[in-house]
Amino acid sequence: MWIILGGIAAIILGILGLIEWWLLFLKALAALVPFILLIGGILAVIIGISSVKERAEEKREEAVEESTENDKS
């Protein structure tokens, strides 16, 4: 029960805070957008490089397996 009341109080205080400091909220949001884009771009590049490396490794392993199978026969 206390958790529900605490949640309701937090919602009310949050709404009042947004109303009171709306312009500051918008400035903070505007400042965060480029930062989030930068971090997201860096993560996308890192994930892309990792994916390319994994595919290259899989192709190398397949080539080794095929050559091993050809040597056996």
N, C-alpha and C. Protein backbone atom coordinates (compact mmCIF):
# COMPACT_ATOMS: atom_id res chain seq x y z
N MET A 1 0.83 -1.20 0.00
CA MET A 1 0.00 0.00 0.00
C MET A 1 0.86 1.25 0.00
N TRP A 2 1.96 1.23 0.80
CA TRP A 2 2.85 2.40 0.85
C TRP A 2 3.54 2.63 -0.49
N ILE A 3 3.81 1.55 -1.20
CA ILE A 3 4.45 1.70 -2.51
C ILE A 3 3.51 2.41 -3.48
N ILE A 4 2.24 2.06 -3.45
CA ILE A 4 1.25 2.71 -4.32
C ILE A 4 1.14 4.19 -3.98
N LEU A 5 1.06 4.50 -2.69
CA LEU A 5 0.98 5.91 -2.29
C LEU A 5 2.24 6.67 -2.66
N GLY A 6 3.39 6.05 -2.49
CA GLY A 6 4.64 6.68 -2.90
C GLY A 6 4.70 6.91 -4.39
N GLY A 7 4.19 5.96 -5.16
CA GLY A 7 4.14 6.11 -6.61
C GLY A 7 3.23 7.24 -7.04
N ILE A 8 2.08 7.34 -6.40
CA ILE A 8 1.15 8.43 -6.72
C ILE A 8 1.77 9.77 -6.37
N ALA A 9 2.43 9.86 -5.21
CA ALA A 9 3.09 11.11 -4.81
C ALA A 9 4.19 11.48 -5.81
N ALA A 10 4.95 10.48 -6.28
CA ALA A 10 6.01 10.74 -7.26
C ALA A 10 5.43 11.24 -8.58
N ILE A 11 4.32 10.68 -9.00
CA ILE A 11 3.67 11.12 -10.24
C ILE A 11 3.20 12.57 -10.11
N ILE A 12 2.57 12.88 -8.99
CA ILE A 12 2.08 14.25 -8.78
C ILE A 12 3.25 15.23 -8.74
N LEU A 13 4.29 14.91 -7.99
CA LEU A 13 5.46 15.79 -7.94
C LEU A 13 6.13 15.91 -9.30
N GLY A 14 6.17 14.84 -10.05
CA GLY A 14 6.76 14.87 -11.40
C GLY A 14 5.98 15.78 -12.33
N ILE A 15 4.65 15.69 -12.28
CA ILE A 15 3.82 16.56 -13.13
C ILE A 15 3.99 18.01 -12.73
N LEU A 16 3.98 18.28 -11.43
CA LEU A 16 4.18 19.66 -10.97
C LEU A 16 5.56 20.18 -11.36
N GLY A 17 6.57 19.33 -11.27
CA GLY A 17 7.91 19.73 -11.67
C GLY A 17 8.01 20.03 -13.15
N LEU A 18 7.36 19.21 -13.97
CA LEU A 18 7.38 19.47 -15.41
C LEU A 18 6.66 20.78 -15.74
N ILE A 19 5.56 21.05 -15.07
CA ILE A 19 4.84 22.30 -15.32
C ILE A 19 5.70 23.49 -14.90
N GLU A 20 6.31 23.40 -13.73
CA GLU A 20 7.09 24.52 -13.19
C GLU A 20 8.36 24.77 -14.00
N TRP A 21 9.06 23.70 -14.39
CA TRP A 21 10.34 23.84 -15.06
C TRP A 21 10.30 23.31 -16.50
N TRP A 22 9.23 23.59 -17.21
CA TRP A 22 9.05 23.08 -18.56
C TRP A 22 10.18 23.54 -19.49
N LEU A 23 10.53 24.83 -19.45
CA LEU A 23 11.56 25.34 -20.34
C LEU A 23 12.93 24.71 -20.04
N LEU A 24 13.24 24.51 -18.77
CA LEU A 24 14.49 23.84 -18.42
C LEU A 24 14.49 22.39 -18.89
N PHE A 25 13.32 21.75 -18.80
CA PHE A 25 13.19 20.38 -19.28
C PHE A 25 13.46 20.31 -20.77
N LEU A 26 12.91 21.26 -21.53
CA LEU A 26 13.12 21.27 -22.98
C LEU A 26 14.59 21.53 -23.32
N LYS A 27 15.25 22.41 -22.57
CA LYS A 27 16.67 22.67 -22.81
C LYS A 27 17.50 21.42 -22.51
N ALA A 28 17.18 20.75 -21.43
CA ALA A 28 17.90 19.52 -21.09
C ALA A 28 17.68 18.45 -22.15
N LEU A 29 16.45 18.35 -22.64
CA LEU A 29 16.14 17.38 -23.67
C LEU A 29 16.90 17.71 -24.95
N ALA A 30 16.94 18.99 -25.31
CA ALA A 30 17.67 19.42 -26.51
C ALA A 30 19.16 19.14 -26.35
N ALA A 31 19.69 19.25 -25.16
CA ALA A 31 21.11 18.98 -24.93
C ALA A 31 21.39 17.47 -24.97
N LEU A 32 20.44 16.66 -24.61
CA LEU A 32 20.65 15.21 -24.57
C LEU A 32 20.56 14.55 -25.95
N VAL A 33 19.79 15.14 -26.85
CA VAL A 33 19.58 14.50 -28.15
C VAL A 33 20.89 14.30 -28.90
N PRO A 34 21.75 15.32 -29.07
CA PRO A 34 23.01 15.07 -29.78
C PRO A 34 23.90 14.05 -29.07
N PHE A 35 23.92 14.08 -27.75
CA PHE A 35 24.72 13.12 -26.98
C PHE A 35 24.22 11.70 -27.23
N ILE A 36 22.92 11.51 -27.19
CA ILE A 36 22.34 10.18 -27.42
C ILE A 36 22.63 9.71 -28.84
N LEU A 37 22.53 10.62 -29.82
CA LEU A 37 22.86 10.25 -31.20
C LEU A 37 24.33 9.85 -31.33
N LEU A 38 25.22 10.58 -30.67
CA LEU A 38 26.64 10.26 -30.71
C LEU A 38 26.91 8.88 -30.12
N ILE A 39 26.39 8.62 -28.94
CA ILE A 39 26.59 7.33 -28.29
C ILE A 39 25.96 6.20 -29.11
N GLY A 40 24.76 6.44 -29.63
CA GLY A 40 24.10 5.42 -30.46
C GLY A 40 24.89 5.12 -31.72
N GLY A 41 25.44 6.15 -32.35
CA GLY A 41 26.26 5.94 -33.55
C GLY A 41 27.52 5.15 -33.25
N ILE A 42 28.18 5.48 -32.15
CA ILE A 42 29.39 4.74 -31.76
C ILE A 42 29.06 3.27 -31.51
N LEU A 43 27.96 3.03 -30.80
CA LEU A 43 27.56 1.64 -30.54
C LEU A 43 27.22 0.90 -31.83
N ALA A 44 26.55 1.58 -32.77
CA ALA A 44 26.20 0.95 -34.04
C ALA A 44 27.46 0.56 -34.82
N VAL A 45 28.46 1.44 -34.83
CA VAL A 45 29.71 1.13 -35.53
C VAL A 45 30.41 -0.05 -34.87
N ILE A 46 30.48 -0.05 -33.55
CA ILE A 46 31.13 -1.16 -32.84
C ILE A 46 30.42 -2.48 -33.11
N ILE A 47 29.10 -2.47 -33.07
CA ILE A 47 28.33 -3.69 -33.33
C ILE A 47 28.51 -4.15 -34.77
N GLY A 48 28.53 -3.19 -35.70
CA GLY A 48 28.73 -3.53 -37.12
C GLY A 48 30.09 -4.16 -37.36
N ILE A 49 31.14 -3.60 -36.78
CA ILE A 49 32.48 -4.16 -36.94
C ILE A 49 32.54 -5.56 -36.34
N SER A 50 31.94 -5.74 -35.18
CA SER A 50 31.92 -7.05 -34.54
C SER A 50 31.19 -8.07 -35.42
N SER A 51 30.10 -7.66 -36.02
CA SER A 51 29.33 -8.55 -36.87
C SER A 51 30.13 -8.98 -38.10
N VAL A 52 30.83 -8.02 -38.71
CA VAL A 52 31.65 -8.33 -39.89
C VAL A 52 32.77 -9.30 -39.51
N LYS A 53 33.40 -9.08 -38.37
CA LYS A 53 34.46 -9.98 -37.91
C LYS A 53 33.92 -11.39 -37.67
N GLU A 54 32.73 -11.49 -37.07
CA GLU A 54 32.15 -12.81 -36.81
C GLU A 54 31.85 -13.55 -38.11
N ARG A 55 31.31 -12.83 -39.10
CA ARG A 55 31.01 -13.46 -40.39
C ARG A 55 32.29 -13.95 -41.07
N ALA A 56 33.36 -13.14 -41.01
CA ALA A 56 34.62 -13.54 -41.61
C ALA A 56 35.18 -14.78 -40.92
N GLU A 57 35.08 -14.83 -39.61
CA GLU A 57 35.56 -15.99 -38.85
C GLU A 57 34.75 -17.24 -39.21
N GLU A 58 33.42 -17.09 -39.36
CA GLU A 58 32.58 -18.24 -39.73
C GLU A 58 32.97 -18.76 -41.11
N LYS A 59 33.25 -17.85 -42.05
CA LYS A 59 33.64 -18.28 -43.40
C LYS A 59 34.98 -19.01 -43.35
N ARG A 60 35.92 -18.52 -42.53
CA ARG A 60 37.21 -19.20 -42.40
C ARG A 60 37.02 -20.60 -41.84
N GLU A 61 36.17 -20.73 -40.81
CA GLU A 61 35.92 -22.04 -40.21
C GLU A 61 35.28 -22.99 -41.20
N GLU A 62 34.34 -22.48 -42.02
CA GLU A 62 33.70 -23.33 -43.02
C GLU A 62 34.71 -23.78 -44.06
N ALA A 63 35.62 -22.88 -44.45
CA ALA A 63 36.64 -23.25 -45.44
C ALA A 63 37.57 -24.31 -44.88
N VAL A 64 37.92 -24.20 -43.60
CA VAL A 64 38.79 -25.20 -42.97
C VAL A 64 38.08 -26.53 -42.90
N GLU A 65 36.81 -26.53 -42.54
CA GLU A 65 36.04 -27.78 -42.47
C GLU A 65 35.93 -28.44 -43.83
N GLU A 66 35.69 -27.64 -44.88
CA GLU A 66 35.57 -28.20 -46.23
C GLU A 66 36.90 -28.79 -46.69
N SER A 67 37.99 -28.10 -46.39
CA SER A 67 39.30 -28.64 -46.80
C SER A 67 39.63 -29.91 -46.03
N THR A 68 39.22 -29.96 -44.76
CA THR A 68 39.45 -31.16 -43.97
C THR A 68 38.63 -32.33 -44.52
N GLU A 69 37.40 -32.08 -44.92
CA GLU A 69 36.54 -33.12 -45.48
C GLU A 69 37.09 -33.59 -46.81
N ASN A 70 37.59 -32.68 -47.61
CA ASN A 70 38.17 -33.06 -48.92
C ASN A 70 39.43 -33.87 -48.74
N ASP A 71 40.23 -33.56 -47.71
CA ASP A 71 41.44 -34.32 -47.46
C ASP A 71 41.13 -35.75 -47.01
N LYS A 72 40.03 -35.94 -46.29
CA LYS A 72 39.65 -37.27 -45.81
C LYS A 72 39.21 -38.17 -46.94
N SER A 73 38.60 -37.60 -47.97
CA SER A 73 38.07 -38.45 -49.04
C SER A 73 39.04 -38.69 -50.15
